[in-house]
N, C-alpha and C. Protein backbone atom coordinates (compact mmCIF):
# COMPACT_ATOMS: atom_id res chain seq x y z
N UNK A 1 -45.27 -14.95 48.99
CA UNK A 1 -43.80 -13.70 48.17
C UNK A 1 -43.31 -14.36 46.96
N UNK A 2 -42.85 -13.31 46.17
CA UNK A 2 -42.28 -13.26 44.73
C UNK A 2 -40.86 -13.89 45.03
N UNK A 3 -40.39 -14.54 44.14
CA UNK A 3 -39.07 -14.90 44.41
C UNK A 3 -38.11 -13.92 43.87
N UNK A 4 -36.72 -13.66 44.40
CA UNK A 4 -36.17 -13.04 43.60
C UNK A 4 -34.75 -13.66 43.14
N UNK A 5 -34.22 -12.94 42.05
CA UNK A 5 -33.22 -13.53 41.11
C UNK A 5 -31.81 -13.16 42.24
N UNK A 6 -30.97 -14.27 42.45
CA UNK A 6 -29.78 -14.15 43.27
C UNK A 6 -28.56 -14.15 42.23
N UNK A 7 -28.22 -13.05 42.58
CA UNK A 7 -26.92 -12.66 41.55
C UNK A 7 -25.35 -12.65 42.40
N UNK A 8 -23.97 -12.67 41.55
CA UNK A 8 -23.00 -12.94 42.62
C UNK A 8 -22.26 -11.96 41.69
N UNK A 9 -21.76 -10.47 42.43
CA UNK A 9 -20.91 -9.39 42.34
C UNK A 9 -20.43 -9.66 43.00
N UNK A 10 -19.41 -7.80 42.91
CA UNK A 10 -17.98 -7.53 44.22
C UNK A 10 -19.00 -7.40 45.41
N UNK A 11 -20.49 -7.03 45.34
CA UNK A 11 -20.63 -6.88 46.39
C UNK A 11 -21.39 -7.75 47.38
N UNK A 12 -21.73 -8.81 46.46
CA UNK A 12 -21.97 -10.04 47.07
C UNK A 12 -21.54 -11.21 47.68
N UNK A 13 -21.71 -11.83 48.85
CA UNK A 13 -20.98 -12.49 49.43
C UNK A 13 -21.39 -14.03 49.34
N UNK A 14 -19.96 -14.26 49.09
CA UNK A 14 -20.01 -15.71 48.48
C UNK A 14 -21.15 -17.19 49.60
N UNK A 15 -21.82 -17.72 49.46
CA UNK A 15 -23.05 -18.23 50.20
C UNK A 15 -22.31 -18.88 50.57
N UNK A 16 -20.78 -20.18 50.73
CA UNK A 16 -20.41 -20.38 51.41
C UNK A 16 -19.60 -20.06 52.76
N UNK A 17 -18.72 -18.73 52.60
CA UNK A 17 -18.27 -18.21 53.09
C UNK A 17 -18.14 -16.98 53.64
N UNK A 18 -19.39 -15.67 52.62
CA UNK A 18 -19.78 -15.08 53.38
C UNK A 18 -18.38 -13.32 52.70
N UNK A 19 -17.84 -14.49 52.05
CA UNK A 19 -16.50 -12.82 51.24
C UNK A 19 -16.93 -12.93 50.38
N UNK A 20 -17.18 -11.89 50.13
CA UNK A 20 -17.30 -11.41 48.78
C UNK A 20 -16.99 -11.73 47.50
N UNK A 21 -17.50 -11.86 46.23
CA UNK A 21 -16.65 -12.76 45.00
C UNK A 21 -17.43 -12.23 43.82
N UNK A 22 -16.50 -12.20 43.12
CA UNK A 22 -16.84 -11.86 41.70
C UNK A 22 -16.88 -13.24 41.09
N UNK A 23 -17.55 -13.50 40.26
CA UNK A 23 -18.01 -14.93 39.47
C UNK A 23 -16.40 -15.05 38.65
N UNK A 24 -16.67 -16.30 38.63
CA UNK A 24 -15.38 -16.63 37.44
C UNK A 24 -15.50 -17.83 37.29
N UNK A 25 -14.18 -18.04 36.35
CA UNK A 25 -14.45 -19.90 35.77
C UNK A 25 -12.73 -20.26 35.42
N UNK A 26 -12.27 -20.77 36.90
CA UNK A 26 -11.02 -20.88 37.20
C UNK A 26 -11.29 -22.85 37.43
N UNK A 27 -10.22 -23.53 36.92
CA UNK A 27 -10.00 -24.80 37.35
C UNK A 27 -8.41 -25.48 37.28
N UNK A 28 -8.63 -26.44 38.66
CA UNK A 28 -7.44 -26.25 39.01
C UNK A 28 -7.28 -27.76 38.98
N UNK A 29 -7.05 -28.83 38.59
CA UNK A 29 -6.77 -30.29 38.57
C UNK A 29 -5.52 -30.59 38.82
N UNK A 30 -5.22 -31.56 39.40
CA UNK A 30 -4.08 -32.95 39.98
C UNK A 30 -4.50 -34.28 39.50
N UNK A 31 -3.43 -34.88 38.24
CA UNK A 31 -4.12 -35.92 38.43
C UNK A 31 -3.44 -36.90 37.68
N UNK A 32 -3.60 -38.21 36.93
CA UNK A 32 -2.71 -38.20 35.80
C UNK A 32 -2.91 -38.76 34.58
N UNK A 33 -2.49 -38.95 33.75
CA UNK A 33 -2.12 -38.81 32.56
C UNK A 33 -2.88 -40.22 32.24
N UNK A 34 -4.55 -40.62 31.88
CA UNK A 34 -4.95 -41.88 31.07
C UNK A 34 -5.43 -41.83 30.22
N UNK A 35 -5.54 -41.07 29.14
CA UNK A 35 -5.54 -41.61 27.47
C UNK A 35 -3.73 -40.16 27.48
N UNK A 36 -2.94 -40.87 26.69
CA UNK A 36 -2.30 -39.95 25.79
C UNK A 36 -3.09 -38.92 24.82
N UNK A 37 -2.25 -37.66 24.43
CA UNK A 37 -2.84 -36.53 23.66
C UNK A 37 -2.96 -37.09 22.61
N UNK A 38 -3.95 -36.48 21.41
CA UNK A 38 -4.24 -36.49 20.17
C UNK A 38 -5.11 -35.39 19.58
N UNK A 39 -4.21 -35.14 18.37
CA UNK A 39 -4.92 -33.94 17.65
C UNK A 39 -6.18 -34.63 17.38
N UNK A 40 -6.86 -33.31 17.32
CA UNK A 40 -8.74 -33.41 17.04
C UNK A 40 -8.92 -32.36 16.27
N UNK A 41 -9.15 -32.30 15.34
CA UNK A 41 -9.87 -31.20 14.31
C UNK A 41 -11.70 -30.79 14.61
N UNK A 42 -11.36 -29.36 14.97
CA UNK A 42 -12.90 -29.42 15.12
C UNK A 42 -13.57 -29.11 14.10
N UNK A 43 -15.34 -28.99 14.23
CA UNK A 43 -15.89 -28.48 13.11
C UNK A 43 -15.28 -27.13 12.55
N UNK A 44 -15.55 -26.43 13.04
CA UNK A 44 -14.97 -24.95 12.63
C UNK A 44 -13.39 -24.80 12.26
N UNK A 45 -12.64 -26.00 12.11
CA UNK A 45 -11.61 -25.88 11.44
C UNK A 45 -10.54 -24.85 12.48
N UNK A 46 -10.38 -25.01 14.06
CA UNK A 46 -9.35 -25.21 14.50
C UNK A 46 -8.99 -26.68 15.34
N UNK A 47 -7.83 -26.32 15.64
CA UNK A 47 -7.19 -27.73 15.88
C UNK A 47 -6.92 -27.18 17.51
N UNK A 48 -7.27 -29.05 17.79
CA UNK A 48 -6.94 -29.09 19.59
C UNK A 48 -5.92 -30.81 19.40
N UNK A 49 -5.12 -30.32 21.03
CA UNK A 49 -5.41 -31.61 21.51
C UNK A 49 -5.33 -31.84 22.53
N UNK A 50 -6.43 -33.47 22.84
CA UNK A 50 -7.06 -33.91 23.63
C UNK A 50 -6.13 -34.55 24.20
N UNK A 51 -6.33 -34.53 25.61
CA UNK A 51 -6.09 -35.49 26.62
C UNK A 51 -7.21 -36.07 27.82
N UNK A 52 -6.67 -36.78 28.60
CA UNK A 52 -7.66 -36.96 29.79
C UNK A 52 -7.07 -37.29 30.93
N UNK A 53 -7.32 -37.30 31.83
CA UNK A 53 -6.60 -36.81 32.80
C UNK A 53 -7.61 -37.93 34.26
N UNK A 54 -6.58 -38.60 35.12
CA UNK A 54 -7.63 -39.36 35.95
C UNK A 54 -7.15 -38.73 37.48
N UNK A 55 -8.06 -38.04 37.76
CA UNK A 55 -8.48 -37.28 39.20
C UNK A 55 -8.97 -37.97 40.20
N UNK A 56 -8.03 -38.15 41.26
CA UNK A 56 -8.66 -39.15 42.54
C UNK A 56 -10.28 -37.80 43.34
N UNK A 57 -11.29 -38.57 43.76
CA UNK A 57 -12.25 -37.87 44.58
C UNK A 57 -11.44 -38.03 45.57
N UNK A 58 -12.46 -37.03 46.50
CA UNK A 58 -11.93 -36.78 47.96
C UNK A 58 -12.35 -38.60 48.67
N UNK A 59 -11.33 -38.64 49.71
CA UNK A 59 -11.40 -39.82 50.55
C UNK A 59 -12.67 -40.26 51.00
N UNK A 60 -13.79 -39.18 50.81
CA UNK A 60 -15.40 -39.66 51.29
C UNK A 60 -15.94 -40.18 49.92
N UNK A 61 -15.38 -39.98 49.35
CA UNK A 61 -15.99 -40.06 47.87
C UNK A 61 -15.04 -40.90 46.66
N UNK A 62 -15.37 -42.17 47.20
CA UNK A 62 -14.00 -43.27 46.52
C UNK A 62 -13.85 -42.86 44.99
N UNK A 63 -13.39 -43.66 44.18
CA UNK A 63 -12.84 -43.59 43.20
C UNK A 63 -12.24 -42.40 42.45
N UNK A 64 -12.75 -42.24 41.26
CA UNK A 64 -11.19 -40.88 40.52
C UNK A 64 -12.46 -40.79 39.13
N UNK A 65 -12.27 -39.50 38.40
CA UNK A 65 -12.93 -38.84 37.78
C UNK A 65 -12.35 -38.91 36.59
N UNK A 66 -12.72 -39.14 35.36
CA UNK A 66 -11.98 -38.68 34.25
C UNK A 66 -12.17 -37.66 33.48
N UNK A 67 -11.14 -36.55 33.54
CA UNK A 67 -11.60 -35.22 32.55
C UNK A 67 -10.93 -35.17 31.60
N UNK A 68 -12.01 -34.91 30.50
CA UNK A 68 -11.18 -34.27 28.91
C UNK A 68 -10.57 -33.28 29.10
N UNK A 69 -9.33 -32.82 28.98
CA UNK A 69 -8.61 -31.57 28.82
C UNK A 69 -8.32 -31.07 27.44
N UNK A 70 -8.19 -29.83 26.72
CA UNK A 70 -7.72 -29.73 25.72
C UNK A 70 -6.72 -28.55 25.87
N UNK A 71 -5.75 -28.48 24.67
CA UNK A 71 -4.97 -27.31 24.62
C UNK A 71 -4.79 -26.53 22.92
N UNK A 72 -5.06 -25.41 22.93
CA UNK A 72 -5.27 -24.66 22.16
C UNK A 72 -3.98 -23.82 21.53
N UNK A 73 -3.14 -23.70 22.47
CA UNK A 73 -2.09 -23.41 22.34
C UNK A 73 -1.37 -24.13 21.64
N UNK A 74 0.04 -23.80 20.71
CA UNK A 74 0.29 -24.71 19.39
C UNK A 74 2.23 -25.16 20.84
N UNK A 75 2.28 -24.16 21.55
CA UNK A 75 3.28 -24.77 22.36
C UNK A 75 2.62 -25.86 23.24
N UNK A 76 1.31 -25.43 23.74
CA UNK A 76 1.21 -26.56 25.12
C UNK A 76 0.50 -27.75 24.52
N UNK A 77 0.55 -27.31 23.10
CA UNK A 77 -0.46 -29.13 22.19
C UNK A 77 0.58 -30.08 21.77
N UNK A 78 2.50 -29.45 21.45
CA UNK A 78 2.95 -29.89 21.44
C UNK A 78 3.50 -31.24 22.36
N UNK A 79 4.04 -29.99 23.78
CA UNK A 79 3.75 -31.12 25.22
C UNK A 79 2.88 -31.86 25.41
N UNK A 80 1.85 -31.94 25.12
CA UNK A 80 0.67 -32.55 25.52
C UNK A 80 0.64 -34.11 24.84
N UNK A 81 1.37 -33.88 23.51
CA UNK A 81 1.19 -34.99 22.77
C UNK A 81 2.53 -36.15 23.07
N UNK A 82 3.89 -35.65 23.82
CA UNK A 82 4.70 -36.17 24.75
C UNK A 82 4.24 -36.45 26.02
N UNK A 83 3.12 -36.14 27.01
CA UNK A 83 2.88 -36.84 28.30
C UNK A 83 2.42 -38.30 28.06
N UNK A 84 3.27 -39.39 28.59
CA UNK A 84 2.70 -40.29 28.66
C UNK A 84 1.94 -40.75 29.88
N UNK A 85 1.15 -41.84 29.35
CA UNK A 85 0.28 -42.34 30.93
C UNK A 85 0.54 -42.15 31.34
N UNK A 86 0.26 -41.97 32.74
CA UNK A 86 0.71 -42.26 34.28
C UNK A 86 1.20 -40.99 34.57
N UNK A 87 1.72 -39.78 33.86
CA UNK A 87 2.15 -38.98 34.80
C UNK A 87 1.30 -38.25 35.18
N UNK A 88 2.49 -37.69 36.49
CA UNK A 88 0.89 -36.54 37.23
C UNK A 88 1.09 -35.46 37.02
N UNK A 89 0.21 -34.71 36.21
CA UNK A 89 -0.10 -33.55 35.89
C UNK A 89 -0.99 -32.50 36.76
N UNK A 90 -0.28 -30.97 36.70
CA UNK A 90 -1.30 -30.45 37.71
C UNK A 90 -1.72 -29.22 36.37
N UNK A 91 -3.02 -29.07 36.44
CA UNK A 91 -3.76 -28.41 35.11
C UNK A 91 -4.76 -27.68 35.88
N UNK A 92 -4.12 -25.94 34.84
CA UNK A 92 -4.94 -25.05 35.71
C UNK A 92 -5.85 -24.23 34.41
N UNK A 93 -6.67 -24.04 34.34
CA UNK A 93 -8.25 -23.35 33.23
C UNK A 93 -8.94 -23.26 33.19
N UNK A 94 -9.82 -23.76 32.49
CA UNK A 94 -11.31 -23.09 32.15
C UNK A 94 -12.01 -24.24 31.84
N UNK A 95 -13.70 -24.33 32.93
CA UNK A 95 -14.40 -25.34 31.87
C UNK A 95 -15.28 -24.60 30.87
N UNK A 96 -15.16 -25.42 29.76
CA UNK A 96 -15.62 -24.89 28.17
C UNK A 96 -16.69 -26.21 27.85
N UNK A 97 -17.93 -25.55 27.42
CA UNK A 97 -18.71 -26.65 26.94
C UNK A 97 -18.64 -26.33 25.14
N UNK A 98 -18.46 -27.46 24.72
CA UNK A 98 -18.83 -27.19 22.95
C UNK A 98 -19.98 -28.27 22.65
N UNK A 99 -20.44 -26.79 21.76
CA UNK A 99 -21.21 -27.64 21.15
C UNK A 99 -21.00 -28.15 19.70
N UNK A 100 -21.23 -29.73 19.13
CA UNK A 100 -21.30 -29.45 17.69
C UNK A 100 -22.53 -30.38 17.18
N UNK A 101 -22.43 -31.00 16.12
CA UNK A 101 -23.42 -31.97 15.18
C UNK A 101 -22.77 -33.19 14.95
N UNK A 102 -23.41 -34.27 15.42
CA UNK A 102 -23.24 -35.87 15.63
C UNK A 102 -24.54 -36.54 15.27
N UNK A 103 -24.25 -36.99 14.04
CA UNK A 103 -25.06 -38.16 13.98
C UNK A 103 -26.65 -37.71 13.40
N UNK A 104 -26.36 -36.26 13.14
CA UNK A 104 -27.66 -35.40 12.39
C UNK A 104 -28.29 -34.46 13.68
N UNK A 105 -26.92 -34.96 15.16
CA UNK A 105 -28.00 -34.26 16.03
C UNK A 105 -26.80 -33.04 16.68
N UNK A 106 -27.36 -32.24 17.59
CA UNK A 106 -26.59 -31.61 18.56
C UNK A 106 -26.30 -32.83 19.77
N UNK A 107 -24.66 -32.37 19.66
CA UNK A 107 -23.83 -32.55 20.72
C UNK A 107 -23.60 -31.94 21.85
N UNK A 108 -22.81 -31.85 22.73
CA UNK A 108 -22.49 -31.13 23.73
C UNK A 108 -20.90 -32.16 24.41
N UNK A 109 -20.01 -31.17 24.85
CA UNK A 109 -18.85 -31.83 25.18
C UNK A 109 -18.58 -30.85 26.67
N UNK A 110 -17.85 -31.23 27.50
CA UNK A 110 -17.65 -30.44 28.57
C UNK A 110 -16.00 -30.49 29.04
N UNK A 111 -15.07 -29.80 29.05
CA UNK A 111 -13.74 -29.97 28.91
C UNK A 111 -12.85 -28.86 29.58
N UNK A 112 -12.03 -29.29 30.06
CA UNK A 112 -10.99 -28.23 30.42
C UNK A 112 -10.21 -27.45 29.74
N UNK A 113 -9.70 -26.57 29.50
CA UNK A 113 -9.28 -25.67 28.24
C UNK A 113 -7.71 -25.57 29.20
N UNK A 114 -7.01 -26.28 28.77
CA UNK A 114 -5.93 -25.94 29.60
C UNK A 114 -4.81 -24.36 29.74
N UNK A 115 -4.67 -23.69 30.45
CA UNK A 115 -3.69 -22.56 29.92
C UNK A 115 -1.95 -22.64 30.60
N UNK A 116 -2.46 -23.76 31.98
CA UNK A 116 -1.11 -23.95 32.35
C UNK A 116 -1.12 -25.27 32.75
N UNK A 117 0.17 -26.27 32.30
CA UNK A 117 0.14 -27.09 32.89
C UNK A 117 1.67 -27.76 33.60
N UNK A 118 1.91 -27.90 34.69
CA UNK A 118 2.98 -28.76 35.03
C UNK A 118 3.13 -30.18 35.49
N UNK A 119 4.35 -30.33 34.51
CA UNK A 119 4.60 -32.49 35.20
C UNK A 119 5.23 -32.26 36.24
N UNK A 120 4.40 -32.93 37.02
CA UNK A 120 5.35 -33.37 38.28
C UNK A 120 6.81 -34.15 38.36
N UNK A 121 8.13 -33.78 38.30
CA UNK A 121 9.20 -34.84 38.30
C UNK A 121 8.70 -35.58 39.19
N UNK A 122 9.06 -35.58 40.28
CA UNK A 122 8.97 -36.46 41.01
C UNK A 122 7.68 -37.46 41.42
N UNK A 123 6.37 -37.79 40.48
CA UNK A 123 5.84 -38.67 40.38
C UNK A 123 5.94 -39.08 39.05
N UNK A 124 7.00 -40.56 38.30
CA UNK A 124 6.90 -40.64 37.36
C UNK A 124 5.87 -41.67 37.45
N UNK A 125 6.18 -41.45 35.58
CA UNK A 125 4.53 -42.48 35.08
C UNK A 125 4.63 -43.88 35.48
N UNK A 126 3.11 -44.89 36.09
CA UNK A 126 3.12 -46.06 36.64
C UNK A 126 4.03 -46.76 35.19
N UNK A 127 4.10 -46.61 33.80
CA UNK A 127 4.50 -47.77 33.08
C UNK A 127 6.33 -47.53 33.64
N UNK A 128 6.45 -46.41 34.16
CA UNK A 128 8.40 -46.10 33.91
C UNK A 128 8.91 -47.39 34.67
N UNK A 129 9.78 -47.87 34.55
CA UNK A 129 10.61 -48.95 34.90
C UNK A 129 11.19 -48.51 36.40
N UNK A 130 11.76 -47.00 36.23
CA UNK A 130 12.37 -46.61 37.65
C UNK A 130 14.08 -46.31 37.24
N UNK A 131 13.98 -46.45 35.97
CA UNK A 131 15.81 -46.76 36.02
C UNK A 131 16.45 -45.32 35.67
N UNK A 132 15.25 -44.27 35.25
CA UNK A 132 15.85 -42.89 34.18
C UNK A 132 16.23 -42.39 36.02
N UNK A 133 17.27 -41.57 35.55
CA UNK A 133 17.72 -40.73 36.83
C UNK A 133 17.23 -39.44 36.99
N UNK A 134 16.62 -39.02 37.91
CA UNK A 134 15.96 -37.72 38.12
C UNK A 134 16.55 -36.86 38.35
N UNK A 135 17.02 -35.08 37.57
CA UNK A 135 17.74 -34.86 38.07
C UNK A 135 17.03 -33.50 38.61
N UNK A 136 15.64 -33.68 39.22
CA UNK A 136 15.07 -33.12 40.18
C UNK A 136 14.47 -31.61 38.84
N UNK A 137 14.75 -31.73 37.72
CA UNK A 137 14.06 -30.78 36.70
C UNK A 137 12.37 -30.75 36.95
N UNK A 138 12.02 -29.76 36.34
CA UNK A 138 10.14 -30.01 36.10
C UNK A 138 9.79 -29.52 34.65
N UNK A 139 9.19 -30.27 34.18
CA UNK A 139 9.21 -29.85 32.43
C UNK A 139 8.05 -29.45 33.37
N UNK A 140 7.92 -27.63 32.63
CA UNK A 140 6.84 -27.12 33.05
C UNK A 140 6.30 -26.46 31.73
N UNK A 141 4.91 -25.90 31.04
CA UNK A 141 4.33 -25.09 30.44
C UNK A 141 3.54 -23.68 30.84
N UNK A 142 4.01 -23.00 30.53
CA UNK A 142 2.75 -21.71 30.72
C UNK A 142 2.66 -20.84 29.62
N UNK A 143 1.37 -21.20 29.46
CA UNK A 143 0.70 -20.94 28.10
C UNK A 143 -0.48 -19.48 28.72
N UNK A 144 -0.28 -18.05 27.99
CA UNK A 144 -1.06 -16.67 29.27
C UNK A 144 -2.28 -17.00 28.82
N UNK A 145 -3.16 -16.69 29.65
CA UNK A 145 -4.47 -17.05 29.76
C UNK A 145 -4.92 -15.56 28.54
N UNK A 146 -5.90 -16.44 28.11
CA UNK A 146 -6.35 -15.30 27.05
C UNK A 146 -7.30 -14.69 27.72
N UNK A 147 -7.76 -13.71 26.80
CA UNK A 147 -8.93 -12.43 27.47
C UNK A 147 -9.93 -12.86 27.34
N UNK A 148 -11.19 -13.00 28.73
CA UNK A 148 -12.08 -13.69 28.64
C UNK A 148 -13.56 -12.54 28.70
């Protein structure tokens, strides 16, 4: 029996739910800043700000994952440079795989390109002394998602 190619289109149901879906690349992470933001210059000349987010796994799978995130938009880059280690963030974006040359070889990096990031005011950074007054405001950055 010949094998058939499987593709998901608006008419194809999700294998997990049976609900019709369009293919998409959307990521939503909630975790704490593990590595502070830093400027990186890519080989093509673009500048990004990179930070790492520690995201806990489900209770069934103990531990956490360290996820590299990048900001391409200048406003979000400025904010990312200010986030302290330990601050809880909600990041919405898309998974990107970047190719580059390193030591004469082609290398790849998988990271989340952040489109929207919300810092939660109720979750103080781990390094905080707790002396700061909480006025209930949230630091929110919304960047329009580019056309894909």
